[in-house]
Amino acid sequence: MTDSESLVRAACAEAQETPVEAVDVDADIESVQLIRIVMLLQEKVGAELPLESILDCRTVRDIAAVLDSSPAGA
């Protein structure tokens, strides 16, 4: 697991109010949770993430890839 995947996984766990160990990096993320996850990540990395790119994401791995390719990358 990459550093970005770990960061996104932690944000997912926080957004879903579940232990981080319960978050599968390949499981689908609900769109309602996605917005909260993006907000948490922006707080953690201190920069804007490209929302239009994030909206197409469905998994922790997808979001981590966007995070890695953005200027705010982890």
PDB file of N, CA and C in Angstrom:
ATOM      1  N   MET A   1       0.848  -1.169   0.000  1.00  0.00           N
ATOM      2  CA  MET A   1       0.000   0.000   0.000  1.00  0.00           C
ATOM      3  C   MET A   1       0.897   1.236   0.000  1.00  0.00           C
ATOM      4  N   THR A   2       0.582   2.190  -0.870  1.00  0.00           N
ATOM      5  CA  THR A   2       1.375   3.419  -0.969  1.00  0.00           C
ATOM      6  C   THR A   2       1.011   4.379   0.164  1.00  0.00           C
ATOM      7  N   ASP A   3       1.840   5.400   0.343  1.00  0.00           N
ATOM      8  CA  ASP A   3       1.551   6.426   1.347  1.00  0.00           C
ATOM      9  C   ASP A   3       0.234   7.134   1.035  1.00  0.00           C
ATOM     10  N   SER A   4      -0.002   7.419  -0.231  1.00  0.00           N
ATOM     11  CA  SER A   4      -1.242   8.088  -0.627  1.00  0.00           C
ATOM     12  C   SER A   4      -2.454   7.210  -0.356  1.00  0.00           C
ATOM     13  N   GLU A   5      -2.335   5.917  -0.638  1.00  0.00           N
ATOM     14  CA  GLU A   5      -3.441   4.996  -0.361  1.00  0.00           C
ATOM     15  C   GLU A   5      -3.726   4.943   1.139  1.00  0.00           C
ATOM     16  N   SER A   6      -2.685   4.967   1.946  1.00  0.00           N
ATOM     17  CA  SER A   6      -2.867   4.973   3.406  1.00  0.00           C
ATOM     18  C   SER A   6      -3.561   6.244   3.866  1.00  0.00           C
ATOM     19  N   LEU A   7      -3.178   7.374   3.292  1.00  0.00           N
ATOM     20  CA  LEU A   7      -3.796   8.656   3.634  1.00  0.00           C
ATOM     21  C   LEU A   7      -5.271   8.669   3.248  1.00  0.00           C
ATOM     22  N   VAL A   8      -5.574   8.224   2.044  1.00  0.00           N
ATOM     23  CA  VAL A   8      -6.958   8.176   1.573  1.00  0.00           C
ATOM     24  C   VAL A   8      -7.764   7.181   2.393  1.00  0.00           C
ATOM     25  N   ARG A   9      -7.171   6.050   2.701  1.00  0.00           N
ATOM     26  CA  ARG A   9      -7.854   5.028   3.504  1.00  0.00           C
ATOM     27  C   ARG A   9      -8.226   5.589   4.874  1.00  0.00           C
ATOM     28  N   ALA A  10      -7.324   6.340   5.484  1.00  0.00           N
ATOM     29  CA  ALA A  10      -7.595   6.948   6.789  1.00  0.00           C
ATOM     30  C   ALA A  10      -8.732   7.969   6.691  1.00  0.00           C
ATOM     31  N   ALA A  11      -8.740   8.758   5.614  1.00  0.00           N
ATOM     32  CA  ALA A  11      -9.821   9.729   5.412  1.00  0.00           C
ATOM     33  C   ALA A  11     -11.155   9.015   5.201  1.00  0.00           C
ATOM     34  N   CYS A  12     -11.137   7.912   4.477  1.00  0.00           N
ATOM     35  CA  CYS A  12     -12.359   7.119   4.269  1.00  0.00           C
ATOM     36  C   CYS A  12     -12.876   6.584   5.596  1.00  0.00           C
ATOM     37  N   ALA A  13     -11.974   6.078   6.403  1.00  0.00           N
ATOM     38  CA  ALA A  13     -12.376   5.542   7.708  1.00  0.00           C
ATOM     39  C   ALA A  13     -12.998   6.634   8.561  1.00  0.00           C
ATOM     40  N   GLU A  14     -12.390   7.812   8.542  1.00  0.00           N
ATOM     41  CA  GLU A  14     -12.932   8.931   9.313  1.00  0.00           C
ATOM     42  C   GLU A  14     -14.305   9.338   8.781  1.00  0.00           C
ATOM     43  N   ALA A  15     -14.438   9.435   7.476  1.00  0.00           N
ATOM     44  CA  ALA A  15     -15.714   9.831   6.861  1.00  0.00           C
ATOM     45  C   ALA A  15     -16.811   8.813   7.134  1.00  0.00           C
ATOM     46  N   GLN A  16     -16.438   7.542   7.168  1.00  0.00           N
ATOM     47  CA  GLN A  16     -17.407   6.475   7.375  1.00  0.00           C
ATOM     48  C   GLN A  16     -17.568   6.104   8.841  1.00  0.00           C
ATOM     49  N   GLU A  17     -16.765   6.764   9.697  1.00  0.00           N
ATOM     50  CA  GLU A  17     -16.785   6.484  11.137  1.00  0.00           C
ATOM     51  C   GLU A  17     -16.612   4.989  11.405  1.00  0.00           C
ATOM     52  N   THR A  18     -15.551   4.445  10.817  1.00  0.00           N
ATOM     53  CA  THR A  18     -15.243   3.027  10.940  1.00  0.00           C
ATOM     54  C   THR A  18     -13.737   2.872  11.145  1.00  0.00           C
ATOM     55  N   PRO A  19     -13.293   1.763  11.711  1.00  0.00           N
ATOM     56  CA  PRO A  19     -11.845   1.561  11.866  1.00  0.00           C
ATOM     57  C   PRO A  19     -11.154   1.498  10.504  1.00  0.00           C
ATOM     58  N   VAL A  20      -9.954   2.026  10.437  1.00  0.00           N
ATOM     59  CA  VAL A  20      -9.216   2.063   9.178  1.00  0.00           C
ATOM     60  C   VAL A  20      -9.001   0.655   8.623  1.00  0.00           C
ATOM     61  N   GLU A  21      -8.867  -0.321   9.494  1.00  0.00           N
ATOM     62  CA  GLU A  21      -8.659  -1.704   9.057  1.00  0.00           C
ATOM     63  C   GLU A  21      -9.864  -2.246   8.284  1.00  0.00           C
ATOM     64  N   ALA A  22     -11.035  -1.631   8.482  1.00  0.00           N
ATOM     65  CA  ALA A  22     -12.259  -2.091   7.822  1.00  0.00           C
ATOM     66  C   ALA A  22     -12.422  -1.530   6.412  1.00  0.00           C
ATOM     67  N   VAL A  23     -11.545  -0.606   6.019  1.00  0.00           N
ATOM     68  CA  VAL A  23     -11.652   0.033   4.708  1.00  0.00           C
ATOM     69  C   VAL A  23     -10.827  -0.756   3.690  1.00  0.00           C
ATOM     70  N   ASP A  24     -11.514  -1.302   2.698  1.00  0.00           N
ATOM     71  CA  ASP A  24     -10.877  -2.050   1.617  1.00  0.00           C
ATOM     72  C   ASP A  24     -10.488  -1.061   0.513  1.00  0.00           C
ATOM     73  N   VAL A  25      -9.228  -1.047   0.128  1.00  0.00           N
ATOM     74  CA  VAL A  25      -8.759  -0.067  -0.854  1.00  0.00           C
ATOM     75  C   VAL A  25      -9.367  -0.275  -2.239  1.00  0.00           C
ATOM     76  N   ASP A  26      -9.972  -1.426  -2.480  1.00  0.00           N
ATOM     77  CA  ASP A  26     -10.584  -1.696  -3.780  1.00  0.00           C
ATOM     78  C   ASP A  26     -12.115  -1.668  -3.753  1.00  0.00           C
ATOM     79  N   ALA A  27     -12.693  -1.383  -2.608  1.00  0.00           N
ATOM     80  CA  ALA A  27     -14.153  -1.351  -2.498  1.00  0.00           C
ATOM     81  C   ALA A  27     -14.712  -0.031  -3.036  1.00  0.00           C
ATOM     82  N   ASP A  28     -15.924  -0.082  -3.555  1.00  0.00           N
ATOM     83  CA  ASP A  28     -16.585   1.130  -4.059  1.00  0.00           C
ATOM     84  C   ASP A  28     -16.882   2.095  -2.924  1.00  0.00           C
ATOM     85  N   ILE A  29     -16.715   3.366  -3.209  1.00  0.00           N
ATOM     86  CA  ILE A  29     -17.024   4.433  -2.261  1.00  0.00           C
ATOM     87  C   ILE A  29     -18.294   5.125  -2.737  1.00  0.00           C
ATOM     88  N   GLU A  30     -19.233   5.342  -1.831  1.00  0.00           N
ATOM     89  CA  GLU A  30     -20.474   6.024  -2.183  1.00  0.00           C
ATOM     90  C   GLU A  30     -20.191   7.492  -2.457  1.00  0.00           C
ATOM     91  N   SER A  31     -20.905   8.076  -3.408  1.00  0.00           N
ATOM     92  CA  SER A  31     -20.644   9.454  -3.813  1.00  0.00           C
ATOM     93  C   SER A  31     -20.844  10.450  -2.673  1.00  0.00           C
ATOM     94  N   VAL A  32     -21.772  10.181  -1.782  1.00  0.00           N
ATOM     95  CA  VAL A  32     -21.990  11.074  -0.640  1.00  0.00           C
ATOM     96  C   VAL A  32     -20.738  11.090   0.240  1.00  0.00           C
ATOM     97  N   GLN A  33     -20.153   9.939   0.451  1.00  0.00           N
ATOM     98  CA  GLN A  33     -18.933   9.847   1.246  1.00  0.00           C
ATOM     99  C   GLN A  33     -17.747  10.478   0.521  1.00  0.00           C
ATOM    100  N   LEU A  34     -17.755  10.412  -0.792  1.00  0.00           N
ATOM    101  CA  LEU A  34     -16.649  10.926  -1.593  1.00  0.00           C
ATOM    102  C   LEU A  34     -16.399  12.407  -1.325  1.00  0.00           C
ATOM    103  N   ILE A  35     -17.454  13.195  -1.239  1.00  0.00           N
ATOM    104  CA  ILE A  35     -17.306  14.635  -0.989  1.00  0.00           C
ATOM    105  C   ILE A  35     -16.671  14.863   0.374  1.00  0.00           C
ATOM    106  N   ARG A  36     -17.114  14.142   1.376  1.00  0.00           N
ATOM    107  CA  ARG A  36     -16.537  14.284   2.727  1.00  0.00           C
ATOM    108  C   ARG A  36     -15.066  13.864   2.719  1.00  0.00           C
ATOM    109  N   ILE A  37     -14.761  12.803   2.015  1.00  0.00           N
ATOM    110  CA  ILE A  37     -13.375  12.331   1.933  1.00  0.00           C
ATOM    111  C   ILE A  37     -12.485  13.391   1.287  1.00  0.00           C
ATOM    112  N   VAL A  38     -12.964  14.006   0.220  1.00  0.00           N
ATOM    113  CA  VAL A  38     -12.196  15.059  -0.455  1.00  0.00           C
ATOM    114  C   VAL A  38     -11.946  16.220   0.502  1.00  0.00           C
ATOM    115  N   MET A  39     -12.969  16.608   1.253  1.00  0.00           N
ATOM    116  CA  MET A  39     -12.802  17.705   2.214  1.00  0.00           C
ATOM    117  C   MET A  39     -11.756  17.347   3.272  1.00  0.00           C
ATOM    118  N   LEU A  40     -11.803  16.136   3.787  1.00  0.00           N
ATOM    119  CA  LEU A  40     -10.828  15.701   4.785  1.00  0.00           C
ATOM    120  C   LEU A  40      -9.416  15.673   4.203  1.00  0.00           C
ATOM    121  N   LEU A  41      -9.286  15.186   2.977  1.00  0.00           N
ATOM    122  CA  LEU A  41      -7.966  15.142   2.337  1.00  0.00           C
ATOM    123  C   LEU A  41      -7.419  16.542   2.104  1.00  0.00           C
ATOM    124  N   GLN A  42      -8.265  17.454   1.692  1.00  0.00           N
ATOM    125  CA  GLN A  42      -7.807  18.831   1.471  1.00  0.00           C
ATOM    126  C   GLN A  42      -7.294  19.434   2.775  1.00  0.00           C
ATOM    127  N   GLU A  43      -7.950  19.121   3.884  1.00  0.00           N
ATOM    128  CA  GLU A  43      -7.460  19.590   5.181  1.00  0.00           C
ATOM    129  C   GLU A  43      -6.109  18.962   5.501  1.00  0.00           C
ATOM    130  N   LYS A  44      -5.957  17.672   5.234  1.00  0.00           N
ATOM    131  CA  LYS A  44      -4.736  16.949   5.586  1.00  0.00           C
ATOM    132  C   LYS A  44      -3.538  17.350   4.720  1.00  0.00           C
ATOM    133  N   VAL A  45      -3.754  17.565   3.421  1.00  0.00           N
ATOM    134  CA  VAL A  45      -2.631  17.909   2.542  1.00  0.00           C
ATOM    135  C   VAL A  45      -2.471  19.413   2.381  1.00  0.00           C
ATOM    136  N   GLY A  46      -3.469  20.175   2.830  1.00  0.00           N
ATOM    137  CA  GLY A  46      -3.367  21.621   2.807  1.00  0.00           C
ATOM    138  C   GLY A  46      -3.461  22.254   1.431  1.00  0.00           C
ATOM    139  N   ALA A  47      -4.136  21.600   0.506  1.00  0.00           N
ATOM    140  CA  ALA A  47      -4.256  22.149  -0.848  1.00  0.00           C
ATOM    141  C   ALA A  47      -5.540  21.656  -1.498  1.00  0.00           C
ATOM    142  N   GLU A  48      -5.951  22.354  -2.532  1.00  0.00           N
ATOM    143  CA  GLU A  48      -7.132  21.961  -3.289  1.00  0.00           C
ATOM    144  C   GLU A  48      -6.843  20.716  -4.116  1.00  0.00           C
ATOM    145  N   LEU A  49      -7.811  19.822  -4.160  1.00  0.00           N
ATOM    146  CA  LEU A  49      -7.712  18.657  -5.030  1.00  0.00           C
ATOM    147  C   LEU A  49      -8.676  18.854  -6.192  1.00  0.00           C
ATOM    148  N   PRO A  50      -8.335  18.358  -7.376  1.00  0.00           N
ATOM    149  CA  PRO A  50      -9.192  18.563  -8.552  1.00  0.00           C
ATOM    150  C   PRO A  50     -10.499  17.767  -8.432  1.00  0.00           C
ATOM    151  N   LEU A  51     -11.553  18.447  -7.985  1.00  0.00           N
ATOM    152  CA  LEU A  51     -12.832  17.789  -7.733  1.00  0.00           C
ATOM    153  C   LEU A  51     -13.357  17.060  -8.961  1.00  0.00           C
ATOM    154  N   GLU A  52     -13.183  17.646 -10.151  1.00  0.00           N
ATOM    155  CA  GLU A  52     -13.678  16.996 -11.362  1.00  0.00           C
ATOM    156  C   GLU A  52     -12.998  15.645 -11.602  1.00  0.00           C
ATOM    157  N   SER A  53     -11.767  15.520 -11.182  1.00  0.00           N
ATOM    158  CA  SER A  53     -11.062  14.237 -11.310  1.00  0.00           C
ATOM    159  C   SER A  53     -11.498  13.262 -10.222  1.00  0.00           C
ATOM    160  N   ILE A  54     -11.731  13.766  -9.038  1.00  0.00           N
ATOM    161  CA  ILE A  54     -12.124  12.931  -7.903  1.00  0.00           C
ATOM    162  C   ILE A  54     -13.514  12.333  -8.119  1.00  0.00           C
ATOM    163  N   LEU A  55     -14.390  13.066  -8.774  1.00  0.00           N
ATOM    164  CA  LEU A  55     -15.767  12.591  -8.952  1.00  0.00           C
ATOM    165  C   LEU A  55     -15.854  11.301  -9.767  1.00  0.00           C
ATOM    166  N   ASP A  56     -14.853  11.023 -10.572  1.00  0.00           N
ATOM    167  CA  ASP A  56     -14.831   9.790 -11.347  1.00  0.00           C
ATOM    168  C   ASP A  56     -14.242   8.614 -10.565  1.00  0.00           C
ATOM    169  N   CYS A  57     -13.727   8.886  -9.376  1.00  0.00           N
ATOM    170  CA  CYS A  57     -13.096   7.850  -8.563  1.00  0.00           C
ATOM    171  C   CYS A  57     -14.145   6.985  -7.876  1.00  0.00           C
ATOM    172  N   ARG A  58     -13.809   5.725  -7.738  1.00  0.00           N
ATOM    173  CA  ARG A  58     -14.721   4.788  -7.077  1.00  0.00           C
ATOM    174  C   ARG A  58     -14.068   4.045  -5.924  1.00  0.00           C
ATOM    175  N   THR A  59     -12.720   4.068  -5.850  1.00  0.00           N
ATOM    176  CA  THR A  59     -12.021   3.315  -4.812  1.00  0.00           C
ATOM    177  C   THR A  59     -10.936   4.176  -4.172  1.00  0.00           C
ATOM    178  N   VAL A  60     -10.413   3.702  -3.044  1.00  0.00           N
ATOM    179  CA  VAL A  60      -9.284   4.360  -2.386  1.00  0.00           C
ATOM    180  C   VAL A  60      -8.111   4.461  -3.361  1.00  0.00           C
ATOM    181  N   ARG A  61      -7.848   3.386  -4.100  1.00  0.00           N
ATOM    182  CA  ARG A  61      -6.732   3.399  -5.063  1.00  0.00           C
ATOM    183  C   ARG A  61      -6.920   4.490  -6.125  1.00  0.00           C
ATOM    184  N   ASP A  62      -8.156   4.657  -6.610  1.00  0.00           N
ATOM    185  CA  ASP A  62      -8.439   5.692  -7.613  1.00  0.00           C
ATOM    186  C   ASP A  62      -8.137   7.083  -7.063  1.00  0.00           C
ATOM    187  N   ILE A  63      -8.610   7.348  -5.843  1.00  0.00           N
ATOM    188  CA  ILE A  63      -8.402   8.666  -5.231  1.00  0.00           C
ATOM    189  C   ILE A  63      -6.916   8.893  -4.982  1.00  0.00           C
ATOM    190  N   ALA A  64      -6.220   7.870  -4.517  1.00  0.00           N
ATOM    191  CA  ALA A  64      -4.782   7.993  -4.270  1.00  0.00           C
ATOM    192  C   ALA A  64      -4.025   8.320  -5.554  1.00  0.00           C
ATOM    193  N   ALA A  65      -4.417   7.751  -6.662  1.00  0.00           N
ATOM    194  CA  ALA A  65      -3.771   8.034  -7.949  1.00  0.00           C
ATOM    195  C   ALA A  65      -3.959   9.502  -8.333  1.00  0.00           C
ATOM    196  N   VAL A  66      -5.164  10.037  -8.108  1.00  0.00           N
ATOM    197  CA  VAL A  66      -5.416  11.455  -8.390  1.00  0.00           C
ATOM    198  C   VAL A  66      -4.573  12.321  -7.455  1.00  0.00           C
ATOM    199  N   LEU A  67      -4.527  11.939  -6.190  1.00  0.00           N
ATOM    200  CA  LEU A  67      -3.733  12.676  -5.215  1.00  0.00           C
ATOM    201  C   LEU A  67      -2.267  12.692  -5.623  1.00  0.00           C
ATOM    202  N   ASP A  68      -1.742  11.563  -6.050  1.00  0.00           N
ATOM    203  CA  ASP A  68      -0.341  11.485  -6.482  1.00  0.00           C
ATOM    204  C   ASP A  68      -0.045  12.344  -7.707  1.00  0.00           C
ATOM    205  N   SER A  69      -1.034  12.491  -8.584  1.00  0.00           N
ATOM    206  CA  SER A  69      -0.801  13.253  -9.816  1.00  0.00           C
ATOM    207  C   SER A  69      -1.110  14.747  -9.681  1.00  0.00           C
ATOM    208  N   SER A  70      -1.618  15.161  -8.543  1.00  0.00           N
ATOM    209  CA  SER A  70      -1.964  16.571  -8.349  1.00  0.00           C
ATOM    210  C   SER A  70      -0.784  17.333  -7.742  1.00  0.00           C
ATOM    211  N   PRO A  71      -0.773  18.660  -7.885  1.00  0.00           N
ATOM    212  CA  PRO A  71       0.285  19.452  -7.258  1.00  0.00           C
ATOM    213  C   PRO A  71       0.294  19.302  -5.749  1.00  0.00           C
ATOM    214  N   ALA A  72      -0.844  18.880  -5.171  1.00  0.00           N
ATOM    215  CA  ALA A  72      -0.939  18.696  -3.721  1.00  0.00           C
ATOM    216  C   ALA A  72      -0.452  17.336  -3.293  1.00  0.00           C
ATOM    217  N   GLY A  73       0.036  16.527  -4.247  1.00  0.00           N
ATOM    218  CA  GLY A  73       0.406  15.128  -4.012  1.00  0.00           C
ATOM    219  C   GLY A  73       1.090  14.858  -2.704  1.00  0.00           C
ATOM    220  N   ALA A  74       0.830  13.674  -2.176  1.00  0.00           N
ATOM    221  CA  ALA A  74       1.365  13.309  -0.857  1.00  0.00           C
ATOM    222  C   ALA A  74       2.818  12.895  -0.944  1.00  0.00           C
TER     223      ALA A  74
END
